[in-house]
Amino acid sequence: MEGLQIRKNGDFIERVLLGTTELRLLSSNSGLEIMQQTIYKDRMFYLYAGDSTGVTEFVYILNGKMEGELNKEAIVLQAGDYFEVRGLTEPVHFTAKTDVTFLWITTEQSYSNVSDEINILKELVSKVEEKDRYTSLHSDRVAKYSVQIAKQLNLSNEPLHSLYLAASFHDVGKVHVPEEILNKPGRLTKEEFEIIKKHPVDSVDMVKHIYSGKVTKIIEQHHERLNGSGYPYGLKSEEILFESKIIAVADTFDAMTEDRAYRKAFTAQYALDEIKSMIGSHYDEEVVAAFEAVLIEEGKIKK
């Protein structure tokens, strides 16, 4: 029938897939896009303050459950709930507690931009997982911790977005490190450690054609330490970007609290105490205090 288009369940115009999400374009016409997106369990979903004024987004939860925070109050959204976004000034993030599928309607042409980024992420993640699946999972957790720290510190939209991207890809350069070094059960030799020390620069080389400027600088500096003992450049104190200082804490904590080939995971309290013992020499005091507050709120350590 003219003027009526019928599509059956499972139909779509275009689709992109990644291990964290699936995005389907259902309709695009006259400046209006309708998409269906699935965010997989334990992954994050962001609402960013838009650059364009007058843009409206409507999201209807089809199934699943996600949790977030707005104005310091917890939010739980599940099937049948919906929200409208217009003139958002601060970023809001949710974590999928189950696989979550939602209908996303926007007055801005968004699918091409989002799908391009998802395809780029897919390419990078595939390279990582071919070599070391641990690195990908580790980066997901570090990105989550980094955002939680940033929210405690009330970072604004732009640095938070750069921080999230940098944390997500801070270790992709480790795909160039031989597996026998990554998984070595004993102490690394000087030569082996020199190879490990190249990964921040290698990570930048892998993402610089996608992201530039601050994102790459944050990645490059995430192993620098306040006293100049870090790598690759031995930067000190204020020479290090604040976002890199955040990733340094999140990265160290996650590495300590996960099993490795050469040891079992440490407890959250032990890892935090070790990090706190190096405040001023390795880690920023304000960042560590914010992360401690996050861990208390999550019940991972006692107050």
C-alpha atoms as a PDB file:
ATOM      1  CA  MET A   1       0.000   0.000   0.000  1.00  0.00           C
ATOM      2  CA  GLU A   2       1.385   3.415  -0.986  1.00  0.00           C
ATOM      3  CA  GLY A   3       2.489   5.443   2.038  1.00  0.00           C
ATOM      4  CA  LEU A   4       2.701   2.391   4.265  1.00  0.00           C
ATOM      5  CA  GLN A   5       5.943   0.477   4.821  1.00  0.00           C
ATOM      6  CA  ILE A   6       5.768  -2.726   6.786  1.00  0.00           C
ATOM      7  CA  ARG A   7       8.828  -4.501   8.140  1.00  0.00           C
ATOM      8  CA  LYS A   8       8.734  -7.724  10.097  1.00  0.00           C
ATOM      9  CA  ASN A   9      10.404  -8.519  13.415  1.00  0.00           C
ATOM     10  CA  GLY A  10      14.165  -8.692  12.900  1.00  0.00           C
ATOM     11  CA  ASP A  11      14.211  -6.458   9.811  1.00  0.00           C
ATOM     12  CA  PHE A  12      16.513  -3.441   9.654  1.00  0.00           C
ATOM     13  CA  ILE A  13      18.091  -1.078   7.146  1.00  0.00           C
ATOM     14  CA  GLU A  14      21.652  -1.407   8.458  1.00  0.00           C
ATOM     15  CA  ARG A  15      23.337  -3.041  11.439  1.00  0.00           C
ATOM     16  CA  VAL A  16      26.717  -2.877  13.198  1.00  0.00           C
ATOM     17  CA  LEU A  17      27.920  -5.342  15.819  1.00  0.00           C
ATOM     18  CA  LEU A  18      30.580  -5.195  18.503  1.00  0.00           C
ATOM     19  CA  GLY A  19      31.223  -7.353  21.544  1.00  0.00           C
ATOM     20  CA  THR A  20      29.733  -4.607  23.727  1.00  0.00           C
ATOM     21  CA  THR A  21      26.744  -3.497  21.658  1.00  0.00           C
ATOM     22  CA  GLU A  22      24.543  -3.981  18.602  1.00  0.00           C
ATOM     23  CA  LEU A  23      23.015  -1.045  16.723  1.00  0.00           C
ATOM     24  CA  ARG A  24      20.259  -1.357  14.102  1.00  0.00           C
ATOM     25  CA  LEU A  25      18.954   1.459  11.921  1.00  0.00           C
ATOM     26  CA  LEU A  26      15.199   0.921  11.545  1.00  0.00           C
ATOM     27  CA  SER A  27      14.157   4.149   9.803  1.00  0.00           C
ATOM     28  CA  SER A  28      15.761   7.341   8.533  1.00  0.00           C
ATOM     29  CA  ASN A  29      13.627  10.047   6.968  1.00  0.00           C
ATOM     30  CA  SER A  30      13.238  13.843   7.030  1.00  0.00           C
ATOM     31  CA  GLY A  31      15.811  14.428   9.774  1.00  0.00           C
ATOM     32  CA  LEU A  32      14.395  11.735  12.048  1.00  0.00           C
ATOM     33  CA  GLU A  33      16.233   8.501  12.832  1.00  0.00           C
ATOM     34  CA  ILE A  34      14.824   5.476  14.630  1.00  0.00           C
ATOM     35  CA  MET A  35      17.321   2.935  15.910  1.00  0.00           C
ATOM     36  CA  GLN A  36      17.315  -0.154  18.075  1.00  0.00           C
ATOM     37  CA  GLN A  37      20.364  -0.659  20.254  1.00  0.00           C
ATOM     38  CA  THR A  38      21.372  -3.477  22.567  1.00  0.00           C
ATOM     39  CA  ILE A  39      23.945  -2.854  25.285  1.00  0.00           C
ATOM     40  CA  TYR A  40      25.319  -6.089  26.657  1.00  0.00           C
ATOM     41  CA  LYS A  41      25.490  -6.937  30.358  1.00  0.00           C
ATOM     42  CA  ASP A  42      28.017  -5.020  32.498  1.00  0.00           C
ATOM     43  CA  ARG A  43      28.769  -2.513  29.704  1.00  0.00           C
ATOM     44  CA  MET A  44      28.275   1.228  29.974  1.00  0.00           C
ATOM     45  CA  PHE A  45      25.802   3.404  28.078  1.00  0.00           C
ATOM     46  CA  TYR A  46      26.386   7.166  27.843  1.00  0.00           C
ATOM     47  CA  LEU A  47      24.246  10.225  27.333  1.00  0.00           C
ATOM     48  CA  TYR A  48      26.484  13.124  26.317  1.00  0.00           C
ATOM     49  CA  ALA A  49      25.719  16.813  26.176  1.00  0.00           C
ATOM     50  CA  GLY A  50      25.211  17.483  22.478  1.00  0.00           C
ATOM     51  CA  ASP A  51      26.954  20.155  20.448  1.00  0.00           C
ATOM     52  CA  SER A  52      23.796  20.946  18.474  1.00  0.00           C
ATOM     53  CA  THR A  53      20.993  22.905  20.094  1.00  0.00           C
ATOM     54  CA  GLY A  54      17.396  21.930  19.490  1.00  0.00           C
ATOM     55  CA  VAL A  55      18.145  18.212  19.133  1.00  0.00           C
ATOM     56  CA  THR A  56      15.707  15.875  20.874  1.00  0.00           C
ATOM     57  CA  GLU A  57      16.322  12.212  21.692  1.00  0.00           C
ATOM     58  CA  PHE A  58      13.750   9.746  22.982  1.00  0.00           C
ATOM     59  CA  VAL A  59      14.715   6.362  24.435  1.00  0.00           C
ATOM     60  CA  TYR A  60      12.226   3.594  25.276  1.00  0.00           C
ATOM     61  CA  ILE A  61      13.490   0.508  27.128  1.00  0.00           C
ATOM     62  CA  LEU A  62      12.230  -2.649  25.412  1.00  0.00           C
ATOM     63  CA  ASN A  63      13.813  -5.177  27.747  1.00  0.00           C
ATOM     64  CA  GLY A  64      16.523  -5.565  30.372  1.00  0.00           C
ATOM     65  CA  LYS A  65      17.646  -3.412  33.263  1.00  0.00           C
ATOM     66  CA  MET A  66      20.231  -0.659  33.639  1.00  0.00           C
ATOM     67  CA  GLU A  67      21.353   1.491  36.544  1.00  0.00           C
ATOM     68  CA  GLY A  68      22.787   4.986  36.628  1.00  0.00           C
ATOM     69  CA  GLU A  69      22.983   8.187  38.600  1.00  0.00           C
ATOM     70  CA  LEU A  70      21.470  11.640  38.106  1.00  0.00           C
ATOM     71  CA  ASN A  71      22.121  14.525  40.483  1.00  0.00           C
ATOM     72  CA  LYS A  72      23.748  12.081  42.925  1.00  0.00           C
ATOM     73  CA  GLU A  73      20.602   9.928  43.017  1.00  0.00           C
ATOM     74  CA  ALA A  74      20.467   6.326  41.791  1.00  0.00           C
ATOM     75  CA  ILE A  75      18.332   5.572  38.731  1.00  0.00           C
ATOM     76  CA  VAL A  76      17.012   2.155  37.716  1.00  0.00           C
ATOM     77  CA  LEU A  77      15.457   1.770  34.272  1.00  0.00           C
ATOM     78  CA  GLN A  78      13.862  -1.389  32.890  1.00  0.00           C
ATOM     79  CA  ALA A  79      11.345  -2.596  30.314  1.00  0.00           C
ATOM     80  CA  GLY A  80       8.582  -0.038  29.738  1.00  0.00           C
ATOM     81  CA  ASP A  81      10.536   2.914  31.148  1.00  0.00           C
ATOM     82  CA  TYR A  82      11.535   5.767  28.856  1.00  0.00           C
ATOM     83  CA  PHE A  83      13.210   9.151  28.892  1.00  0.00           C
ATOM     84  CA  GLU A  84      13.647  12.206  26.686  1.00  0.00           C
ATOM     85  CA  VAL A  85      16.902  14.099  26.230  1.00  0.00           C
ATOM     86  CA  ARG A  86      16.921  17.773  25.251  1.00  0.00           C
ATOM     87  CA  GLY A  87      19.535  20.371  26.166  1.00  0.00           C
ATOM     88  CA  LEU A  88      21.595  18.015  28.377  1.00  0.00           C
ATOM     89  CA  THR A  89      24.449  19.957  29.997  1.00  0.00           C
ATOM     90  CA  GLU A  90      26.216  17.190  31.939  1.00  0.00           C
ATOM     91  CA  PRO A  91      26.994  13.611  30.854  1.00  0.00           C
ATOM     92  CA  VAL A  92      24.961  10.764  32.361  1.00  0.00           C
ATOM     93  CA  HIS A  93      26.067   7.149  32.255  1.00  0.00           C
ATOM     94  CA  PHE A  94      24.276   3.874  32.904  1.00  0.00           C
ATOM     95  CA  THR A  95      25.565   0.345  33.443  1.00  0.00           C
ATOM     96  CA  ALA A  96      23.633  -2.549  31.918  1.00  0.00           C
ATOM     97  CA  LYS A  97      22.789  -5.016  34.701  1.00  0.00           C
ATOM     98  CA  THR A  98      21.440  -7.417  32.055  1.00  0.00           C
ATOM     99  CA  ASP A  99      21.466  -7.209  28.277  1.00  0.00           C
ATOM    100  CA  VAL A 100      19.407  -4.064  27.567  1.00  0.00           C
ATOM    101  CA  THR A 101      17.584  -3.303  24.321  1.00  0.00           C
ATOM    102  CA  PHE A 102      16.031   0.099  23.713  1.00  0.00           C
ATOM    103  CA  LEU A 103      14.352   2.060  20.947  1.00  0.00           C
ATOM    104  CA  TRP A 104      16.268   5.256  20.195  1.00  0.00           C
ATOM    105  CA  ILE A 105      14.556   8.085  18.274  1.00  0.00           C
ATOM    106  CA  THR A 106      16.521  11.246  17.467  1.00  0.00           C
ATOM    107  CA  THR A 107      16.022  14.389  15.400  1.00  0.00           C
ATOM    108  CA  GLU A 108      19.731  14.366  14.522  1.00  0.00           C
ATOM    109  CA  GLN A 109      21.402  12.164  11.904  1.00  0.00           C
ATOM    110  CA  SER A 110      23.342   9.973  14.333  1.00  0.00           C
ATOM    111  CA  TYR A 111      23.550   6.450  12.929  1.00  0.00           C
ATOM    112  CA  SER A 112      26.419   7.033  10.503  1.00  0.00           C
ATOM    113  CA  ASN A 113      28.578   8.690  13.171  1.00  0.00           C
ATOM    114  CA  VAL A 114      27.827   6.063  15.801  1.00  0.00           C
ATOM    115  CA  SER A 115      28.175   3.131  13.420  1.00  0.00           C
ATOM    116  CA  ASP A 116      31.498   4.410  12.074  1.00  0.00           C
ATOM    117  CA  GLU A 117      32.854   4.614  15.602  1.00  0.00           C
ATOM    118  CA  ILE A 118      31.531   1.149  16.481  1.00  0.00           C
ATOM    119  CA  ASN A 119      33.194  -0.344  13.393  1.00  0.00           C
ATOM    120  CA  ILE A 120      36.484   1.316  14.323  1.00  0.00           C
ATOM    121  CA  LEU A 121      36.190  -0.026  17.866  1.00  0.00           C
ATOM    122  CA  LYS A 122      35.416  -3.456  16.476  1.00  0.00           C
ATOM    123  CA  GLU A 123      38.590  -3.410  14.397  1.00  0.00           C
ATOM    124  CA  LEU A 124      40.768  -2.412  17.338  1.00  0.00           C
ATOM    125  CA  VAL A 125      39.164  -4.813  19.813  1.00  0.00           C
ATOM    126  CA  SER A 126      39.566  -7.667  17.332  1.00  0.00           C
ATOM    127  CA  LYS A 127      43.279  -6.930  17.072  1.00  0.00           C
ATOM    128  CA  VAL A 128      43.581  -6.993  20.848  1.00  0.00           C
ATOM    129  CA  GLU A 129      41.586 -10.181  21.350  1.00  0.00           C
ATOM    130  CA  GLU A 130      43.579 -12.027  18.692  1.00  0.00           C
ATOM    131  CA  LYS A 131      46.602 -11.579  20.946  1.00  0.00           C
ATOM    132  CA  ASP A 132      45.412 -11.151  24.507  1.00  0.00           C
ATOM    133  CA  ARG A 133      41.748 -11.293  25.539  1.00  0.00           C
ATOM    134  CA  TYR A 134      42.699 -10.227  29.069  1.00  0.00           C
ATOM    135  CA  THR A 135      43.824  -6.816  27.792  1.00  0.00           C
ATOM    136  CA  SER A 136      40.377  -6.070  26.334  1.00  0.00           C
ATOM    137  CA  LEU A 137      38.492  -7.049  29.486  1.00  0.00           C
ATOM    138  CA  HIS A 138      40.986  -5.156  31.617  1.00  0.00           C
ATOM    139  CA  SER A 139      40.472  -1.998  29.547  1.00  0.00           C
ATOM    140  CA  ASP A 140      36.695  -2.224  29.977  1.00  0.00           C
ATOM    141  CA  ARG A 141      37.096  -2.288  33.750  1.00  0.00           C
ATOM    142  CA  VAL A 142      39.667   0.509  33.768  1.00  0.00           C
ATOM    143  CA  ALA A 143      37.339   2.665  31.657  1.00  0.00           C
ATOM    144  CA  LYS A 144      34.514   2.056  34.122  1.00  0.00           C
ATOM    145  CA  TYR A 145      36.663   2.863  37.167  1.00  0.00           C
ATOM    146  CA  SER A 146      38.059   5.969  35.454  1.00  0.00           C
ATOM    147  CA  VAL A 147      34.590   7.330  34.703  1.00  0.00           C
ATOM    148  CA  GLN A 148      33.485   6.667  38.289  1.00  0.00           C
ATOM    149  CA  ILE A 149      36.494   8.587  39.602  1.00  0.00           C
ATOM    150  CA  ALA A 150      35.824  11.439  37.165  1.00  0.00           C
ATOM    151  CA  LYS A 151      32.212  11.677  38.296  1.00  0.00           C
ATOM    152  CA  GLN A 152      33.339  11.858  41.929  1.00  0.00           C
ATOM    153  CA  LEU A 153      35.581  14.758  40.911  1.00  0.00           C
ATOM    154  CA  ASN A 154      32.816  16.423  38.850  1.00  0.00           C
ATOM    155  CA  LEU A 155      34.802  16.472  35.607  1.00  0.00           C
ATOM    156  CA  SER A 156      32.937  18.223  32.817  1.00  0.00           C
ATOM    157  CA  ASN A 157      31.693  16.629  29.604  1.00  0.00           C
ATOM    158  CA  GLU A 158      34.727  17.132  27.341  1.00  0.00           C
ATOM    159  CA  PRO A 159      37.478  15.750  29.628  1.00  0.00           C
ATOM    160  CA  LEU A 160      35.212  12.900  30.719  1.00  0.00           C
ATOM    161  CA  HIS A 161      34.613  11.838  27.123  1.00  0.00           C
ATOM    162  CA  SER A 162      38.343  11.995  26.320  1.00  0.00           C
ATOM    163  CA  LEU A 163      39.106  10.048  29.494  1.00  0.00           C
ATOM    164  CA  TYR A 164      36.633   7.300  28.609  1.00  0.00           C
ATOM    165  CA  LEU A 165      38.066   6.859  25.116  1.00  0.00           C
ATOM    166  CA  ALA A 166      41.658   6.895  26.358  1.00  0.00           C
ATOM    167  CA  ALA A 167      40.945   4.382  29.124  1.00  0.00           C
ATOM    168  CA  SER A 168      39.189   2.091  26.664  1.00  0.00           C
ATOM    169  CA  PHE A 169      42.284   1.928  24.436  1.00  0.00           C
ATOM    170  CA  HIS A 170      45.161   2.568  26.820  1.00  0.00           C
ATOM    171  CA  ASP A 171      46.567  -0.961  26.424  1.00  0.00           C
ATOM    172  CA  VAL A 172      45.813  -1.850  22.790  1.00  0.00           C
ATOM    173  CA  GLY A 173      49.506  -1.493  21.996  1.00  0.00           C
ATOM    174  CA  LYS A 174      50.164  -4.624  24.028  1.00  0.00           C
ATOM    175  CA  VAL A 175      49.135  -6.636  20.976  1.00  0.00           C
ATOM    176  CA  HIS A 176      52.734  -6.070  19.834  1.00  0.00           C
ATOM    177  CA  VAL A 177      54.165  -7.621  23.004  1.00  0.00           C
ATOM    178  CA  PRO A 178      55.039 -11.331  22.659  1.00  0.00           C
ATOM    179  CA  GLU A 179      52.653 -13.622  24.530  1.00  0.00           C
ATOM    180  CA  GLU A 180      55.512 -15.233  26.449  1.00  0.00           C
ATOM    181  CA  ILE A 181      56.306 -11.828  27.954  1.00  0.00           C
ATOM    182  CA  LEU A 182      52.673 -10.881  28.672  1.00  0.00           C
ATOM    183  CA  ASN A 183      52.060 -14.191  30.439  1.00  0.00           C
ATOM    184  CA  LYS A 184      55.491 -14.807  31.943  1.00  0.00           C
ATOM    185  CA  PRO A 185      55.067 -16.287  35.463  1.00  0.00           C
ATOM    186  CA  GLY A 186      58.377 -14.937  36.760  1.00  0.00           C
ATOM    187  CA  ARG A 187      60.141 -11.578  36.931  1.00  0.00           C
ATOM    188  CA  LEU A 188      60.753  -9.833  33.614  1.00  0.00           C
ATOM    189  CA  THR A 189      64.300  -9.268  32.407  1.00  0.00           C
ATOM    190  CA  LYS A 190      65.476  -5.733  31.678  1.00  0.00           C
ATOM    191  CA  GLU A 191      65.123  -6.399  27.957  1.00  0.00           C
ATOM    192  CA  GLU A 192      61.585  -7.772  28.382  1.00  0.00           C
ATOM    193  CA  PHE A 193      60.531  -4.781  30.465  1.00  0.00           C
ATOM    194  CA  GLU A 194      61.863  -2.440  27.761  1.00  0.00           C
ATOM    195  CA  ILE A 195      59.472  -4.129  25.343  1.00  0.00           C
ATOM    196  CA  ILE A 196      56.557  -3.676  27.775  1.00  0.00           C
ATOM    197  CA  LYS A 197      57.453   0.009  28.159  1.00  0.00           C
ATOM    198  CA  LYS A 198      56.792   0.606  24.471  1.00  0.00           C
ATOM    199  CA  HIS A 199      53.076  -0.182  24.700  1.00  0.00           C
ATOM    200  CA  PRO A 200      51.785   3.341  25.517  1.00  0.00           C
ATOM    201  CA  VAL A 201      53.411   4.706  22.356  1.00  0.00           C
ATOM    202  CA  ASP A 202      52.254   1.672  20.355  1.00  0.00           C
ATOM    203  CA  SER A 203      48.713   2.246  21.661  1.00  0.00           C
ATOM    204  CA  VAL A 204      48.847   5.838  20.400  1.00  0.00           C
ATOM    205  CA  ASP A 205      50.068   4.655  16.992  1.00  0.00           C
ATOM    206  CA  MET A 206      47.048   2.329  16.756  1.00  0.00           C
ATOM    207  CA  VAL A 207      44.421   4.978  17.568  1.00  0.00           C
ATOM    208  CA  LYS A 208      45.895   8.240  16.271  1.00  0.00           C
ATOM    209  CA  HIS A 209      44.156   7.882  12.892  1.00  0.00           C
ATOM    210  CA  ILE A 210      40.838   7.824  14.789  1.00  0.00           C
ATOM    211  CA  TYR A 211      41.425  10.046  17.811  1.00  0.00           C
ATOM    212  CA  SER A 212      43.933  12.838  18.126  1.00  0.00           C
ATOM    213  CA  GLY A 213      44.941  15.565  20.531  1.00  0.00           C
ATOM    214  CA  LYS A 214      44.100  14.973  24.165  1.00  0.00           C
ATOM    215  CA  VAL A 215      42.945  11.362  23.840  1.00  0.00           C
ATOM    216  CA  THR A 216      46.313  10.237  22.504  1.00  0.00           C
ATOM    217  CA  LYS A 217      48.210  12.290  25.089  1.00  0.00           C
ATOM    218  CA  ILE A 218      46.237  10.686  27.918  1.00  0.00           C
ATOM    219  CA  ILE A 219      47.012   7.224  26.540  1.00  0.00           C
ATOM    220  CA  GLU A 220      50.676   8.075  26.094  1.00  0.00           C
ATOM    221  CA  GLN A 221      51.043   9.239  29.704  1.00  0.00           C
ATOM    222  CA  HIS A 222      49.051   6.603  31.623  1.00  0.00           C
ATOM    223  CA  HIS A 223      52.221   4.942  32.965  1.00  0.00           C
ATOM    224  CA  GLU A 224      53.951   8.176  33.970  1.00  0.00           C
ATOM    225  CA  ARG A 225      54.381   8.701  37.721  1.00  0.00           C
ATOM    226  CA  LEU A 226      54.561  11.866  39.830  1.00  0.00           C
ATOM    227  CA  ASN A 227      58.211  11.349  40.850  1.00  0.00           C
ATOM    228  CA  GLY A 228      59.387  10.785  37.281  1.00  0.00           C
ATOM    229  CA  SER A 229      59.860   7.026  37.682  1.00  0.00           C
ATOM    230  CA  GLY A 230      57.253   6.141  35.057  1.00  0.00           C
ATOM    231  CA  TYR A 231      57.479   5.643  31.300  1.00  0.00           C
ATOM    232  CA  PRO A 232      57.828   6.277  28.411  1.00  0.00           C
ATOM    233  CA  TYR A 233      59.185   9.788  29.049  1.00  0.00           C
ATOM    234  CA  GLY A 234      59.756  10.042  32.810  1.00  0.00           C
ATOM    235  CA  LEU A 235      57.357  12.974  33.192  1.00  0.00           C
ATOM    236  CA  LYS A 236      56.800  14.468  36.642  1.00  0.00           C
ATOM    237  CA  SER A 237      53.906  15.964  38.598  1.00  0.00           C
ATOM    238  CA  GLU A 238      52.176  18.738  36.629  1.00  0.00           C
ATOM    239  CA  GLU A 239      53.751  17.553  33.372  1.00  0.00           C
ATOM    240  CA  ILE A 240      51.272  14.662  33.500  1.00  0.00           C
ATOM    241  CA  LEU A 241      47.691  15.193  32.382  1.00  0.00           C
ATOM    242  CA  PHE A 242      45.120  14.847  35.163  1.00  0.00           C
ATOM    243  CA  GLU A 243      43.156  12.297  33.129  1.00  0.00           C
ATOM    244  CA  SER A 244      46.300  10.157  32.862  1.00  0.00           C
ATOM    245  CA  LYS A 245      46.645  10.312  36.642  1.00  0.00           C
ATOM    246  CA  ILE A 246      43.107   8.936  36.906  1.00  0.00           C
ATOM    247  CA  ILE A 247      43.848   6.031  34.566  1.00  0.00           C
ATOM    248  CA  ALA A 248      47.077   5.306  36.466  1.00  0.00           C
ATOM    249  CA  VAL A 249      45.097   4.615  39.648  1.00  0.00           C
ATOM    250  CA  ALA A 250      42.299   2.663  37.946  1.00  0.00           C
ATOM    251  CA  ASP A 251      44.801   0.643  35.902  1.00  0.00           C
ATOM    252  CA  THR A 252      46.935  -0.297  38.909  1.00  0.00           C
ATOM    253  CA  PHE A 253      43.941  -1.262  41.026  1.00  0.00           C
ATOM    254  CA  ASP A 254      42.439  -3.497  38.356  1.00  0.00           C
ATOM    255  CA  ALA A 255      45.781  -5.170  37.629  1.00  0.00           C
ATOM    256  CA  MET A 256      46.207  -5.966  41.322  1.00  0.00           C
ATOM    257  CA  THR A 257      42.674  -7.263  41.887  1.00  0.00           C
ATOM    258  CA  GLU A 258      42.597  -9.655  38.928  1.00  0.00           C
ATOM    259  CA  ASP A 259      44.317 -13.036  38.605  1.00  0.00           C
ATOM    260  CA  ARG A 260      47.528 -13.059  36.611  1.00  0.00           C
ATOM    261  CA  ALA A 261      49.631 -15.920  35.242  1.00  0.00           C
ATOM    262  CA  TYR A 262      52.158 -15.391  38.028  1.00  0.00           C
ATOM    263  CA  ARG A 263      49.855 -14.746  41.026  1.00  0.00           C
ATOM    264  CA  LYS A 264      46.320 -14.747  42.397  1.00  0.00           C
ATOM    265  CA  ALA A 265      44.317 -11.546  42.713  1.00  0.00           C
ATOM    266  CA  PHE A 266      44.800  -9.308  45.749  1.00  0.00           C
ATOM    267  CA  THR A 267      41.813  -8.041  47.723  1.00  0.00           C
ATOM    268  CA  ALA A 268      40.381  -4.604  46.978  1.00  0.00           C
ATOM    269  CA  GLN A 269      41.473  -3.315  50.384  1.00  0.00           C
ATOM    270  CA  TYR A 270      45.041  -4.559  49.971  1.00  0.00           C
ATOM    271  CA  ALA A 271      45.295  -3.004  46.495  1.00  0.00           C
ATOM    272  CA  LEU A 272      43.937   0.340  47.697  1.00  0.00           C
ATOM    273  CA  ASP A 273      46.308   0.374  50.690  1.00  0.00           C
ATOM    274  CA  GLU A 274      49.256  -0.238  48.356  1.00  0.00           C
ATOM    275  CA  ILE A 275      48.140   2.620  46.105  1.00  0.00           C
ATOM    276  CA  LYS A 276      47.640   4.922  49.101  1.00  0.00           C
ATOM    277  CA  SER A 277      51.165   4.143  50.300  1.00  0.00           C
ATOM    278  CA  MET A 278      52.467   5.675  47.053  1.00  0.00           C
ATOM    279  CA  ILE A 279      50.440   8.892  47.134  1.00  0.00           C
ATOM    280  CA  GLY A 280      52.731  11.768  46.221  1.00  0.00           C
ATOM    281  CA  SER A 281      55.424   9.583  44.692  1.00  0.00           C
ATOM    282  CA  HIS A 282      53.337   7.702  42.126  1.00  0.00           C
ATOM    283  CA  TYR A 283      49.672   8.635  42.473  1.00  0.00           C
ATOM    284  CA  ASP A 284      47.676  11.837  42.869  1.00  0.00           C
ATOM    285  CA  GLU A 285      46.107  12.259  46.317  1.00  0.00           C
ATOM    286  CA  GLU A 286      42.855  13.769  45.034  1.00  0.00           C
ATOM    287  CA  VAL A 287      42.377  10.936  42.540  1.00  0.00           C
ATOM    288  CA  VAL A 288      43.051   8.228  45.129  1.00  0.00           C
ATOM    289  CA  ALA A 289      40.620   9.820  47.593  1.00  0.00           C
ATOM    290  CA  ALA A 290      37.912   9.928  44.910  1.00  0.00           C
ATOM    291  CA  PHE A 291      38.519   6.290  44.025  1.00  0.00           C
ATOM    292  CA  GLU A 292      38.352   5.267  47.672  1.00  0.00           C
ATOM    293  CA  ALA A 293      34.934   6.941  47.855  1.00  0.00           C
ATOM    294  CA  VAL A 294      33.833   4.948  44.778  1.00  0.00           C
ATOM    295  CA  LEU A 295      34.960   1.663  46.322  1.00  0.00           C
ATOM    296  CA  ILE A 296      33.155   2.467  49.584  1.00  0.00           C
ATOM    297  CA  GLU A 297      29.942   3.307  47.710  1.00  0.00           C
ATOM    298  CA  GLU A 298      30.163   0.003  45.832  1.00  0.00           C
ATOM    299  CA  GLY A 299      30.785  -1.942  49.022  1.00  0.00           C
ATOM    300  CA  LYS A 300      34.140  -3.251  47.811  1.00  0.00           C
ATOM    301  CA  ILE A 301      35.878  -1.880  50.897  1.00  0.00           C
ATOM    302  CA  LYS A 302      34.659  -0.745  54.307  1.00  0.00           C
ATOM    303  CA  LYS A 303      34.578   2.877  55.341  1.00  0.00           C
END
